[in-house]
């Protein structure tokens, strides 16, 4: 894409991003998502320039079971906070197909009203092969959006799963959306996700579902004492909301601000982000080593034969792994 138009240098991109240019912001995110060596080098140069301008947002992670209405909630919440004069960026993650490797990337169509607001930015990205409900470059995208002046960065994940908790390692406030009236409210969701949630919101609390949502809220409030919380000075809150009626949106915003105040007062927010950065370092190292291993010439040539021997029952898995590791270490 860059080859068909003027390729911006990292310094030029930085100027555009700091000026709030959405087109250049999108080009920058596309560049950091690229696997081309040239783009990776430029991406790191860009991030180094912009790093002093980052860190001033509220990073909000949103997850929930399929059908809970994440996109509807985000649009309602986004419209509310932009009306308060805030700038909001939505980094929406769509799952990639295991077969085609493609992704629908339809979040802009699901947030039509919000996408038309000048102070809002919506960027859908595919997970690719990355687990955890986020992309391998979500953290870099957060930094770019912060440099562009967005006050709230929302990470919408692909849904609840055991590996979904990766998003908790890159946000300040973790919001879990749940449905009422679907049987046992505590079934179908991993205990670990509830333990990490800063707030649980029962969605679609409108019409005939209002009372069911209230009952679900009470059940979660009663059950929370069974879960060990590691949220420092903050106690996990439970509420109800409706994107249809815009009910409960203000309360969630107020709770986010109360959370920020409590964490700042206890000096926990900076500590949280420091821990996340160290985790990011180790994650990046692991991913880079894995990529280098599988791209190694000898490994690539030996792997198909060793896989065949494993399938034929001629070679134990661990022995095959050791052969590959030995070949890689002898490079």
C-alpha atoms as a PDB file:
ATOM      1  CA  UNK A   1       0.000   0.000   0.000  1.00  0.00           C
ATOM      2  CA  UNK A   2       2.785   2.402   0.939  1.00  0.00           C
ATOM      3  CA  UNK A   3       4.548   1.764  -2.384  1.00  0.00           C
ATOM      4  CA  UNK A   4       1.616   3.252  -4.324  1.00  0.00           C
ATOM      5  CA  UNK A   5       1.866   6.608  -2.571  1.00  0.00           C
ATOM      6  CA  UNK A   6       4.418   8.736  -0.809  1.00  0.00           C
ATOM      7  CA  UNK A   7       6.000   6.702   1.943  1.00  0.00           C
ATOM      8  CA  UNK A   8       6.149   8.786   5.096  1.00  0.00           C
ATOM      9  CA  UNK A   9       9.283   8.698   7.183  1.00  0.00           C
ATOM     10  CA  UNK A  10       8.838   7.995  10.930  1.00  0.00           C
ATOM     11  CA  UNK A  11       9.353  11.676  11.747  1.00  0.00           C
ATOM     12  CA  UNK A  12       6.649  12.739   9.270  1.00  0.00           C
ATOM     13  CA  UNK A  13       4.262  10.131  10.620  1.00  0.00           C
ATOM     14  CA  UNK A  14       4.917  11.304  14.174  1.00  0.00           C
ATOM     15  CA  UNK A  15       4.047  14.892  13.235  1.00  0.00           C
ATOM     16  CA  UNK A  16       0.779  13.781  11.653  1.00  0.00           C
ATOM     17  CA  UNK A  17      -0.176  11.589  14.587  1.00  0.00           C
ATOM     18  CA  UNK A  18       0.544  14.340  17.114  1.00  0.00           C
ATOM     19  CA  UNK A  19      -1.640  16.634  15.020  1.00  0.00           C
ATOM     20  CA  UNK A  20      -4.503  14.143  15.279  1.00  0.00           C
ATOM     21  CA  UNK A  21      -4.542  13.082  11.632  1.00  0.00           C
ATOM     22  CA  UNK A  22      -6.658   9.895  11.533  1.00  0.00           C
ATOM     23  CA  UNK A  23      -5.444   8.896   8.077  1.00  0.00           C
ATOM     24  CA  UNK A  24      -1.810   8.968   9.143  1.00  0.00           C
ATOM     25  CA  UNK A  25      -2.715   7.197  12.398  1.00  0.00           C
ATOM     26  CA  UNK A  26      -4.308   4.396  10.378  1.00  0.00           C
ATOM     27  CA  UNK A  27      -1.268   4.206   8.098  1.00  0.00           C
ATOM     28  CA  UNK A  28       0.973   3.974  11.145  1.00  0.00           C
ATOM     29  CA  UNK A  29      -1.060   1.136  12.669  1.00  0.00           C
ATOM     30  CA  UNK A  30      -1.011  -0.672   9.321  1.00  0.00           C
ATOM     31  CA  UNK A  31       2.755  -0.293   9.320  1.00  0.00           C
ATOM     32  CA  UNK A  32       3.200  -1.746  12.813  1.00  0.00           C
ATOM     33  CA  UNK A  33       0.947  -4.664  11.848  1.00  0.00           C
ATOM     34  CA  UNK A  34       3.135  -5.386   8.818  1.00  0.00           C
ATOM     35  CA  UNK A  35       5.552  -8.327   8.870  1.00  0.00           C
ATOM     36  CA  UNK A  36       7.983  -6.632   6.456  1.00  0.00           C
ATOM     37  CA  UNK A  37      11.415  -6.056   7.995  1.00  0.00           C
ATOM     38  CA  UNK A  38      11.514  -2.465   6.674  1.00  0.00           C
ATOM     39  CA  UNK A  39       8.176  -1.666   8.294  1.00  0.00           C
ATOM     40  CA  UNK A  40       9.219  -3.199  11.603  1.00  0.00           C
ATOM     41  CA  UNK A  41      12.309  -0.986  11.721  1.00  0.00           C
ATOM     42  CA  UNK A  42      10.279   2.130  10.865  1.00  0.00           C
ATOM     43  CA  UNK A  43       7.662   1.167  13.462  1.00  0.00           C
ATOM     44  CA  UNK A  44      10.241   1.027  16.238  1.00  0.00           C
ATOM     45  CA  UNK A  45      11.667   4.400  15.173  1.00  0.00           C
ATOM     46  CA  UNK A  46       8.173   5.884  15.209  1.00  0.00           C
ATOM     47  CA  UNK A  47       7.362   4.497  18.659  1.00  0.00           C
ATOM     48  CA  UNK A  48      10.653   5.795  20.045  1.00  0.00           C
ATOM     49  CA  UNK A  49       9.782   9.311  18.827  1.00  0.00           C
ATOM     50  CA  UNK A  50       6.244   9.184  20.229  1.00  0.00           C
ATOM     51  CA  UNK A  51       6.912   7.421  23.540  1.00  0.00           C
ATOM     52  CA  UNK A  52       7.204  10.667  25.584  1.00  0.00           C
ATOM     53  CA  UNK A  53       3.689  11.612  24.400  1.00  0.00           C
ATOM     54  CA  UNK A  54       2.053   8.380  25.556  1.00  0.00           C
ATOM     55  CA  UNK A  55       0.566   7.117  28.830  1.00  0.00           C
ATOM     56  CA  UNK A  56      -2.041   9.820  29.396  1.00  0.00           C
ATOM     57  CA  UNK A  57      -5.170   7.838  28.556  1.00  0.00           C
ATOM     58  CA  UNK A  58      -7.513   5.551  30.442  1.00  0.00           C
ATOM     59  CA  UNK A  59      -7.004   2.102  28.928  1.00  0.00           C
ATOM     60  CA  UNK A  60     -10.245   0.133  29.032  1.00  0.00           C
ATOM     61  CA  UNK A  61     -10.510  -3.548  28.193  1.00  0.00           C
ATOM     62  CA  UNK A  62     -13.963  -4.933  27.390  1.00  0.00           C
ATOM     63  CA  UNK A  63     -14.800  -8.607  27.104  1.00  0.00           C
ATOM     64  CA  UNK A  64     -17.862 -10.779  27.369  1.00  0.00           C
ATOM     65  CA  UNK A  65     -19.635 -13.869  26.151  1.00  0.00           C
ATOM     66  CA  UNK A  66     -20.779 -14.004  22.492  1.00  0.00           C
ATOM     67  CA  UNK A  67     -23.999 -12.082  21.977  1.00  0.00           C
ATOM     68  CA  UNK A  68     -23.561  -9.928  25.076  1.00  0.00           C
ATOM     69  CA  UNK A  69     -23.602  -6.767  22.952  1.00  0.00           C
ATOM     70  CA  UNK A  70     -20.015  -5.535  23.210  1.00  0.00           C
ATOM     71  CA  UNK A  71     -20.195  -3.388  20.076  1.00  0.00           C
ATOM     72  CA  UNK A  72     -23.563  -1.890  21.068  1.00  0.00           C
ATOM     73  CA  UNK A  73     -22.262  -1.068  24.523  1.00  0.00           C
ATOM     74  CA  UNK A  74     -19.064   0.483  23.166  1.00  0.00           C
ATOM     75  CA  UNK A  75     -21.017   2.699  20.777  1.00  0.00           C
ATOM     76  CA  UNK A  76     -23.345   3.893  23.555  1.00  0.00           C
ATOM     77  CA  UNK A  77     -20.412   4.444  25.926  1.00  0.00           C
ATOM     78  CA  UNK A  78     -18.356   6.152  23.210  1.00  0.00           C
ATOM     79  CA  UNK A  79     -21.155   8.544  22.329  1.00  0.00           C
ATOM     80  CA  UNK A  80     -21.558   9.399  26.012  1.00  0.00           C
ATOM     81  CA  UNK A  81     -17.888  10.201  26.692  1.00  0.00           C
ATOM     82  CA  UNK A  82     -17.392  12.107  23.426  1.00  0.00           C
ATOM     83  CA  UNK A  83     -20.384  14.260  24.417  1.00  0.00           C
ATOM     84  CA  UNK A  84     -18.355  15.099  27.548  1.00  0.00           C
ATOM     85  CA  UNK A  85     -15.574  16.419  25.323  1.00  0.00           C
ATOM     86  CA  UNK A  86     -13.396  13.312  25.481  1.00  0.00           C
ATOM     87  CA  UNK A  87     -11.628  11.667  22.544  1.00  0.00           C
ATOM     88  CA  UNK A  88     -12.135   7.912  22.324  1.00  0.00           C
ATOM     89  CA  UNK A  89     -10.293   5.303  20.266  1.00  0.00           C
ATOM     90  CA  UNK A  90     -11.677   1.805  19.807  1.00  0.00           C
ATOM     91  CA  UNK A  91      -9.240  -0.951  18.899  1.00  0.00           C
ATOM     92  CA  UNK A  92     -11.638  -3.719  17.975  1.00  0.00           C
ATOM     93  CA  UNK A  93     -10.238  -7.199  17.504  1.00  0.00           C
ATOM     94  CA  UNK A  94     -11.962  -9.666  15.175  1.00  0.00           C
ATOM     95  CA  UNK A  95     -11.135 -13.380  15.176  1.00  0.00           C
ATOM     96  CA  UNK A  96      -9.270 -14.734  12.165  1.00  0.00           C
ATOM     97  CA  UNK A  97     -10.517 -17.875  10.479  1.00  0.00           C
ATOM     98  CA  UNK A  98      -8.344 -20.922  11.124  1.00  0.00           C
ATOM     99  CA  UNK A  99      -9.077 -22.071   7.558  1.00  0.00           C
ATOM    100  CA  UNK A 100      -8.940 -18.928   5.421  1.00  0.00           C
ATOM    101  CA  UNK A 101      -6.945 -16.728   7.863  1.00  0.00           C
ATOM    102  CA  UNK A 102      -9.391 -13.974   6.932  1.00  0.00           C
ATOM    103  CA  UNK A 103     -11.459 -11.724   9.207  1.00  0.00           C
ATOM    104  CA  UNK A 104     -14.731  -9.840   8.758  1.00  0.00           C
ATOM    105  CA  UNK A 105     -13.506  -6.586  10.384  1.00  0.00           C
ATOM    106  CA  UNK A 106     -17.047  -5.252  10.601  1.00  0.00           C
ATOM    107  CA  UNK A 107     -16.887  -3.140  13.747  1.00  0.00           C
ATOM    108  CA  UNK A 108     -17.263   0.177  11.940  1.00  0.00           C
ATOM    109  CA  UNK A 109     -20.577  -1.006  10.498  1.00  0.00           C
ATOM    110  CA  UNK A 110     -21.700  -2.157  13.961  1.00  0.00           C
ATOM    111  CA  UNK A 111     -20.775   1.261  15.437  1.00  0.00           C
ATOM    112  CA  UNK A 112     -22.117   3.447  12.657  1.00  0.00           C
ATOM    113  CA  UNK A 113     -23.095   6.442  14.831  1.00  0.00           C
ATOM    114  CA  UNK A 114     -19.803   6.479  16.748  1.00  0.00           C
ATOM    115  CA  UNK A 115     -17.716   6.138  13.583  1.00  0.00           C
ATOM    116  CA  UNK A 116     -19.164   9.450  12.356  1.00  0.00           C
ATOM    117  CA  UNK A 117     -17.984  11.402  15.420  1.00  0.00           C
ATOM    118  CA  UNK A 118     -14.842  13.466  14.777  1.00  0.00           C
ATOM    119  CA  UNK A 119     -13.498  12.813  18.259  1.00  0.00           C
ATOM    120  CA  UNK A 120     -13.817   9.039  17.854  1.00  0.00           C
ATOM    121  CA  UNK A 121     -11.529   6.623  16.050  1.00  0.00           C
ATOM    122  CA  UNK A 122     -12.389   2.980  15.351  1.00  0.00           C
ATOM    123  CA  UNK A 123      -9.756   0.560  14.150  1.00  0.00           C
ATOM    124  CA  UNK A 124     -10.687  -3.102  13.549  1.00  0.00           C
ATOM    125  CA  UNK A 125      -7.813  -5.577  13.372  1.00  0.00           C
ATOM    126  CA  UNK A 126      -7.584  -9.341  12.946  1.00  0.00           C
ATOM    127  CA  UNK A 127      -6.092 -11.569  15.634  1.00  0.00           C
ATOM    128  CA  UNK A 128      -4.126 -13.561  13.077  1.00  0.00           C
ATOM    129  CA  UNK A 129      -2.412 -16.403  14.910  1.00  0.00           C
ATOM    130  CA  UNK A 130      -2.290 -14.525  18.228  1.00  0.00           C
ATOM    131  CA  UNK A 131      -4.112 -15.986  21.227  1.00  0.00           C
ATOM    132  CA  UNK A 132      -5.608 -14.012  24.062  1.00  0.00           C
ATOM    133  CA  UNK A 133      -8.293 -12.041  22.205  1.00  0.00           C
ATOM    134  CA  UNK A 134      -5.857  -9.357  21.036  1.00  0.00           C
ATOM    135  CA  UNK A 135      -3.442  -8.875  18.154  1.00  0.00           C
ATOM    136  CA  UNK A 136       0.328  -9.111  18.478  1.00  0.00           C
ATOM    137  CA  UNK A 137       0.546  -5.325  17.979  1.00  0.00           C
ATOM    138  CA  UNK A 138      -2.349  -4.145  20.152  1.00  0.00           C
ATOM    139  CA  UNK A 139       0.024  -2.562  22.684  1.00  0.00           C
ATOM    140  CA  UNK A 140       1.806  -0.557  19.993  1.00  0.00           C
ATOM    141  CA  UNK A 141      -1.561   0.614  18.650  1.00  0.00           C
ATOM    142  CA  UNK A 142      -2.504   1.822  22.140  1.00  0.00           C
ATOM    143  CA  UNK A 143       0.642   3.959  22.279  1.00  0.00           C
ATOM    144  CA  UNK A 144      -0.039   5.478  18.847  1.00  0.00           C
ATOM    145  CA  UNK A 145      -3.606   6.382  19.838  1.00  0.00           C
ATOM    146  CA  UNK A 146      -2.388   7.956  23.075  1.00  0.00           C
ATOM    147  CA  UNK A 147       0.126  10.050  21.142  1.00  0.00           C
ATOM    148  CA  UNK A 148      -2.720  11.154  18.876  1.00  0.00           C
ATOM    149  CA  UNK A 149      -4.468  12.620  21.921  1.00  0.00           C
ATOM    150  CA  UNK A 150      -7.189  10.056  22.626  1.00  0.00           C
ATOM    151  CA  UNK A 151      -8.324  10.189  26.255  1.00  0.00           C
ATOM    152  CA  UNK A 152      -9.919   6.734  26.408  1.00  0.00           C
ATOM    153  CA  UNK A 153      -8.521   3.729  24.570  1.00  0.00           C
ATOM    154  CA  UNK A 154     -11.000   0.856  24.377  1.00  0.00           C
ATOM    155  CA  UNK A 155      -9.826  -2.660  23.569  1.00  0.00           C
ATOM    156  CA  UNK A 156     -12.748  -4.800  22.415  1.00  0.00           C
ATOM    157  CA  UNK A 157     -11.738  -8.444  22.504  1.00  0.00           C
ATOM    158  CA  UNK A 158     -13.091 -11.393  20.547  1.00  0.00           C
ATOM    159  CA  UNK A 159     -14.941 -12.963  23.472  1.00  0.00           C
ATOM    160  CA  UNK A 160     -14.450 -14.930  26.663  1.00  0.00           C
ATOM    161  CA  UNK A 161     -12.053 -17.867  26.698  1.00  0.00           C
ATOM    162  CA  UNK A 162      -9.239 -19.265  28.789  1.00  0.00           C
ATOM    163  CA  UNK A 163      -6.595 -17.298  26.873  1.00  0.00           C
ATOM    164  CA  UNK A 164      -8.744 -14.154  26.755  1.00  0.00           C
ATOM    165  CA  UNK A 165      -7.170 -12.790  29.934  1.00  0.00           C
ATOM    166  CA  UNK A 166      -4.177 -11.541  27.913  1.00  0.00           C
ATOM    167  CA  UNK A 167      -6.052  -8.265  27.511  1.00  0.00           C
ATOM    168  CA  UNK A 168      -5.819  -7.708  31.275  1.00  0.00           C
ATOM    169  CA  UNK A 169      -2.084  -7.342  30.832  1.00  0.00           C
ATOM    170  CA  UNK A 170      -2.416  -4.186  28.752  1.00  0.00           C
ATOM    171  CA  UNK A 171      -5.298  -2.158  30.222  1.00  0.00           C
ATOM    172  CA  UNK A 172      -6.031  -0.194  33.380  1.00  0.00           C
ATOM    173  CA  UNK A 173      -9.711  -1.042  33.802  1.00  0.00           C
ATOM    174  CA  UNK A 174     -11.124  -4.439  32.852  1.00  0.00           C
ATOM    175  CA  UNK A 175     -14.881  -4.490  32.193  1.00  0.00           C
ATOM    176  CA  UNK A 176     -16.683  -7.815  31.938  1.00  0.00           C
ATOM    177  CA  UNK A 177     -20.071  -7.744  30.190  1.00  0.00           C
ATOM    178  CA  UNK A 178     -22.538 -10.506  31.058  1.00  0.00           C
ATOM    179  CA  UNK A 179     -26.053 -11.519  30.073  1.00  0.00           C
ATOM    180  CA  UNK A 180     -28.911 -12.251  32.446  1.00  0.00           C
ATOM    181  CA  UNK A 181     -31.494 -14.991  32.101  1.00  0.00           C
ATOM    182  CA  UNK A 182     -29.158 -17.567  30.546  1.00  0.00           C
ATOM    183  CA  UNK A 183     -29.415 -20.188  33.284  1.00  0.00           C
ATOM    184  CA  UNK A 184     -26.784 -20.337  36.005  1.00  0.00           C
ATOM    185  CA  UNK A 185     -25.105 -16.939  35.718  1.00  0.00           C
ATOM    186  CA  UNK A 186     -21.760 -18.249  36.924  1.00  0.00           C
ATOM    187  CA  UNK A 187     -21.621 -21.071  34.382  1.00  0.00           C
ATOM    188  CA  UNK A 188     -19.957 -20.656  31.000  1.00  0.00           C
ATOM    189  CA  UNK A 189     -17.349 -18.173  32.201  1.00  0.00           C
ATOM    190  CA  UNK A 190     -13.903 -18.827  33.578  1.00  0.00           C
ATOM    191  CA  UNK A 191     -13.300 -18.121  37.256  1.00  0.00           C
ATOM    192  CA  UNK A 192     -10.014 -16.383  36.430  1.00  0.00           C
ATOM    193  CA  UNK A 193     -11.731 -13.752  34.313  1.00  0.00           C
ATOM    194  CA  UNK A 194     -14.107 -12.808  37.136  1.00  0.00           C
ATOM    195  CA  UNK A 195     -11.140 -12.525  39.496  1.00  0.00           C
ATOM    196  CA  UNK A 196      -9.495  -9.995  37.195  1.00  0.00           C
ATOM    197  CA  UNK A 197     -12.578  -7.916  36.406  1.00  0.00           C
ATOM    198  CA  UNK A 198     -12.705  -4.413  37.860  1.00  0.00           C
ATOM    199  CA  UNK A 199     -16.395  -4.202  37.029  1.00  0.00           C
ATOM    200  CA  UNK A 200     -19.090  -6.604  35.890  1.00  0.00           C
ATOM    201  CA  UNK A 201     -21.973  -5.104  33.922  1.00  0.00           C
ATOM    202  CA  UNK A 202     -25.142  -7.045  33.181  1.00  0.00           C
ATOM    203  CA  UNK A 203     -26.151  -5.848  29.724  1.00  0.00           C
ATOM    204  CA  UNK A 204     -29.494  -5.550  27.948  1.00  0.00           C
ATOM    205  CA  UNK A 205     -31.196  -4.447  31.166  1.00  0.00           C
ATOM    206  CA  UNK A 206     -34.237  -3.086  29.332  1.00  0.00           C
ATOM    207  CA  UNK A 207     -37.837  -4.031  28.620  1.00  0.00           C
ATOM    208  CA  UNK A 208     -38.859  -7.361  30.108  1.00  0.00           C
ATOM    209  CA  UNK A 209     -35.257  -8.146  30.999  1.00  0.00           C
ATOM    210  CA  UNK A 210     -34.839  -5.449  33.680  1.00  0.00           C
ATOM    211  CA  UNK A 211     -35.782  -7.657  36.623  1.00  0.00           C
ATOM    212  CA  UNK A 212     -33.675 -10.574  35.376  1.00  0.00           C
ATOM    213  CA  UNK A 213     -30.691  -8.223  35.068  1.00  0.00           C
ATOM    214  CA  UNK A 214     -31.208  -6.999  38.633  1.00  0.00           C
ATOM    215  CA  UNK A 215     -31.349 -10.570  39.925  1.00  0.00           C
ATOM    216  CA  UNK A 216     -28.159 -11.430  38.057  1.00  0.00           C
ATOM    217  CA  UNK A 217     -26.479  -8.353  39.543  1.00  0.00           C
ATOM    218  CA  UNK A 218     -27.434  -9.476  43.045  1.00  0.00           C
ATOM    219  CA  UNK A 219     -26.123 -12.994  42.375  1.00  0.00           C
ATOM    220  CA  UNK A 220     -22.750 -11.661  41.218  1.00  0.00           C
ATOM    221  CA  UNK A 221     -22.511  -9.290  44.168  1.00  0.00           C
ATOM    222  CA  UNK A 222     -23.109 -12.211  46.519  1.00  0.00           C
ATOM    223  CA  UNK A 223     -20.680 -14.482  44.659  1.00  0.00           C
ATOM    224  CA  UNK A 224     -17.770 -12.049  44.436  1.00  0.00           C
ATOM    225  CA  UNK A 225     -16.588 -12.835  47.953  1.00  0.00           C
ATOM    226  CA  UNK A 226     -15.818 -16.356  46.715  1.00  0.00           C
ATOM    227  CA  UNK A 227     -13.247 -15.008  44.280  1.00  0.00           C
ATOM    228  CA  UNK A 228      -9.822 -13.757  45.308  1.00  0.00           C
ATOM    229  CA  UNK A 229      -9.368 -10.224  44.027  1.00  0.00           C
ATOM    230  CA  UNK A 230      -5.987  -8.679  43.273  1.00  0.00           C
ATOM    231  CA  UNK A 231      -7.248  -5.211  42.408  1.00  0.00           C
ATOM    232  CA  UNK A 232      -5.402  -3.370  45.184  1.00  0.00           C
ATOM    233  CA  UNK A 233      -7.455  -0.561  46.688  1.00  0.00           C
ATOM    234  CA  UNK A 234     -10.387  -1.234  44.360  1.00  0.00           C
ATOM    235  CA  UNK A 235     -13.276  -3.601  45.045  1.00  0.00           C
ATOM    236  CA  UNK A 236     -14.935  -5.119  41.984  1.00  0.00           C
ATOM    237  CA  UNK A 237     -18.242  -3.420  41.240  1.00  0.00           C
ATOM    238  CA  UNK A 238     -21.390  -4.939  39.683  1.00  0.00           C
ATOM    239  CA  UNK A 239     -24.009  -2.957  37.795  1.00  0.00           C
ATOM    240  CA  UNK A 240     -26.605  -3.215  35.057  1.00  0.00           C
ATOM    241  CA  UNK A 241     -26.762  -1.279  31.812  1.00  0.00           C
ATOM    242  CA  UNK A 242     -28.653  -0.934  28.571  1.00  0.00           C
ATOM    243  CA  UNK A 243     -27.122   0.303  25.325  1.00  0.00           C
ATOM    244  CA  UNK A 244     -30.652   0.524  23.921  1.00  0.00           C
ATOM    245  CA  UNK A 245     -31.912   2.915  26.614  1.00  0.00           C
ATOM    246  CA  UNK A 246     -28.469   4.343  27.524  1.00  0.00           C
ATOM    247  CA  UNK A 247     -29.092   3.353  31.131  1.00  0.00           C
ATOM    248  CA  UNK A 248     -26.127   2.662  33.392  1.00  0.00           C
ATOM    249  CA  UNK A 249     -23.570   4.192  31.021  1.00  0.00           C
ATOM    250  CA  UNK A 250     -22.955   7.214  33.250  1.00  0.00           C
ATOM    251  CA  UNK A 251     -22.516   4.959  36.299  1.00  0.00           C
ATOM    252  CA  UNK A 252     -19.861   2.902  34.509  1.00  0.00           C
ATOM    253  CA  UNK A 253     -17.996   6.074  33.507  1.00  0.00           C
ATOM    254  CA  UNK A 254     -18.168   7.336  37.098  1.00  0.00           C
ATOM    255  CA  UNK A 255     -16.820   4.005  38.373  1.00  0.00           C
ATOM    256  CA  UNK A 256     -13.909   4.172  35.934  1.00  0.00           C
ATOM    257  CA  UNK A 257     -13.001   7.614  37.259  1.00  0.00           C
ATOM    258  CA  UNK A 258     -13.351   6.418  40.864  1.00  0.00           C
ATOM    259  CA  UNK A 259     -11.076   3.495  40.012  1.00  0.00           C
ATOM    260  CA  UNK A 260      -8.494   5.837  38.508  1.00  0.00           C
ATOM    261  CA  UNK A 261      -8.598   8.065  41.598  1.00  0.00           C
ATOM    262  CA  UNK A 262      -8.234   5.124  43.986  1.00  0.00           C
ATOM    263  CA  UNK A 263      -5.358   3.611  42.031  1.00  0.00           C
ATOM    264  CA  UNK A 264      -3.542   6.933  41.693  1.00  0.00           C
ATOM    265  CA  UNK A 265      -3.935   7.683  45.382  1.00  0.00           C
ATOM    266  CA  UNK A 266      -2.366   4.320  46.262  1.00  0.00           C
ATOM    267  CA  UNK A 267       0.330   4.743  43.574  1.00  0.00           C
ATOM    268  CA  UNK A 268      -0.918   1.506  42.037  1.00  0.00           C
ATOM    269  CA  UNK A 269      -1.646   2.636  38.477  1.00  0.00           C
ATOM    270  CA  UNK A 270       1.970   3.403  37.615  1.00  0.00           C
ATOM    271  CA  UNK A 271       2.990   0.142  39.299  1.00  0.00           C
ATOM    272  CA  UNK A 272       0.427  -1.752  37.203  1.00  0.00           C
ATOM    273  CA  UNK A 273       1.686  -0.242  33.958  1.00  0.00           C
ATOM    274  CA  UNK A 274       5.314  -0.924  34.879  1.00  0.00           C
ATOM    275  CA  UNK A 275       4.458  -4.581  35.465  1.00  0.00           C
ATOM    276  CA  UNK A 276       2.633  -4.680  32.148  1.00  0.00           C
ATOM    277  CA  UNK A 277       5.642  -3.238  30.322  1.00  0.00           C
ATOM    278  CA  UNK A 278       7.931  -5.894  31.781  1.00  0.00           C
ATOM    279  CA  UNK A 279       5.410  -8.546  30.771  1.00  0.00           C
ATOM    280  CA  UNK A 280       5.309  -7.036  27.283  1.00  0.00           C
ATOM    281  CA  UNK A 281       9.114  -7.284  27.091  1.00  0.00           C
ATOM    282  CA  UNK A 282       9.132 -10.996  27.875  1.00  0.00           C
ATOM    283  CA  UNK A 283       6.182 -11.681  25.580  1.00  0.00           C
ATOM    284  CA  UNK A 284       7.909  -9.908  22.695  1.00  0.00           C
ATOM    285  CA  UNK A 285      11.119 -11.849  23.299  1.00  0.00           C
ATOM    286  CA  UNK A 286       9.243 -15.174  23.322  1.00  0.00           C
ATOM    287  CA  UNK A 287       7.354 -14.334  20.135  1.00  0.00           C
ATOM    288  CA  UNK A 288      10.506 -13.150  18.370  1.00  0.00           C
ATOM    289  CA  UNK A 289      12.460 -16.276  19.325  1.00  0.00           C
ATOM    290  CA  UNK A 290       9.606 -18.461  18.081  1.00  0.00           C
ATOM    291  CA  UNK A 291       9.488 -16.619  14.743  1.00  0.00           C
ATOM    292  CA  UNK A 292      13.248 -16.889  14.280  1.00  0.00           C
ATOM    293  CA  UNK A 293      13.166 -20.586  15.142  1.00  0.00           C
ATOM    294  CA  UNK A 294      10.494 -21.489  12.581  1.00  0.00           C
ATOM    295  CA  UNK A 295      12.070 -19.279   9.915  1.00  0.00           C
ATOM    296  CA  UNK A 296      15.498 -20.908  10.363  1.00  0.00           C
ATOM    297  CA  UNK A 297      16.544 -22.598   7.107  1.00  0.00           C
ATOM    298  CA  UNK A 298      17.561 -25.946   8.613  1.00  0.00           C
ATOM    299  CA  UNK A 299      14.486 -26.090  10.874  1.00  0.00           C
ATOM    300  CA  UNK A 300      12.202 -25.404   7.909  1.00  0.00           C
ATOM    301  CA  UNK A 301      13.865 -28.167   5.881  1.00  0.00           C
ATOM    302  CA  UNK A 302      13.807 -30.762   8.672  1.00  0.00           C
ATOM    303  CA  UNK A 303      10.379 -30.064  10.118  1.00  0.00           C
ATOM    304  CA  UNK A 304       8.213 -31.819   7.448  1.00  0.00           C
ATOM    305  CA  UNK A 305      10.293 -35.006   7.624  1.00  0.00           C
ATOM    306  CA  UNK A 306      10.217 -35.094  11.430  1.00  0.00           C
ATOM    307  CA  UNK A 307       6.461 -34.458  11.444  1.00  0.00           C
ATOM    308  CA  UNK A 308       6.075 -37.414   9.080  1.00  0.00           C
ATOM    309  CA  UNK A 309       8.116 -39.640  11.377  1.00  0.00           C
ATOM    310  CA  UNK A 310       5.945 -38.615  14.339  1.00  0.00           C
ATOM    311  CA  UNK A 311       2.749 -39.403  12.444  1.00  0.00           C
ATOM    312  CA  UNK A 312       4.175 -42.771  11.378  1.00  0.00           C
ATOM    313  CA  UNK A 313       4.982 -43.610  14.985  1.00  0.00           C
ATOM    314  CA  UNK A 314       8.689 -43.797  14.220  1.00  0.00           C
ATOM    315  CA  UNK A 315       9.867 -40.939  16.416  1.00  0.00           C
ATOM    316  CA  UNK A 316       8.818 -39.625  19.842  1.00  0.00           C
ATOM    317  CA  UNK A 317       7.691 -36.007  19.898  1.00  0.00           C
ATOM    318  CA  UNK A 318      10.311 -34.951  22.423  1.00  0.00           C
ATOM    319  CA  UNK A 319      13.130 -36.450  20.380  1.00  0.00           C
ATOM    320  CA  UNK A 320      11.916 -34.630  17.279  1.00  0.00           C
ATOM    321  CA  UNK A 321      11.808 -31.385  19.234  1.00  0.00           C
ATOM    322  CA  UNK A 322      15.341 -31.893  20.509  1.00  0.00           C
ATOM    323  CA  UNK A 323      16.612 -32.549  16.966  1.00  0.00           C
ATOM    324  CA  UNK A 324      15.083 -29.267  15.783  1.00  0.00           C
ATOM    325  CA  UNK A 325      16.402 -27.308  18.762  1.00  0.00           C
ATOM    326  CA  UNK A 326      19.874 -28.760  18.271  1.00  0.00           C
ATOM    327  CA  UNK A 327      19.792 -27.761  14.595  1.00  0.00           C
ATOM    328  CA  UNK A 328      18.711 -24.246  15.519  1.00  0.00           C
ATOM    329  CA  UNK A 329      21.373 -23.828  18.212  1.00  0.00           C
ATOM    330  CA  UNK A 330      24.116 -24.940  15.819  1.00  0.00           C
ATOM    331  CA  UNK A 331      23.320 -22.197  13.302  1.00  0.00           C
END
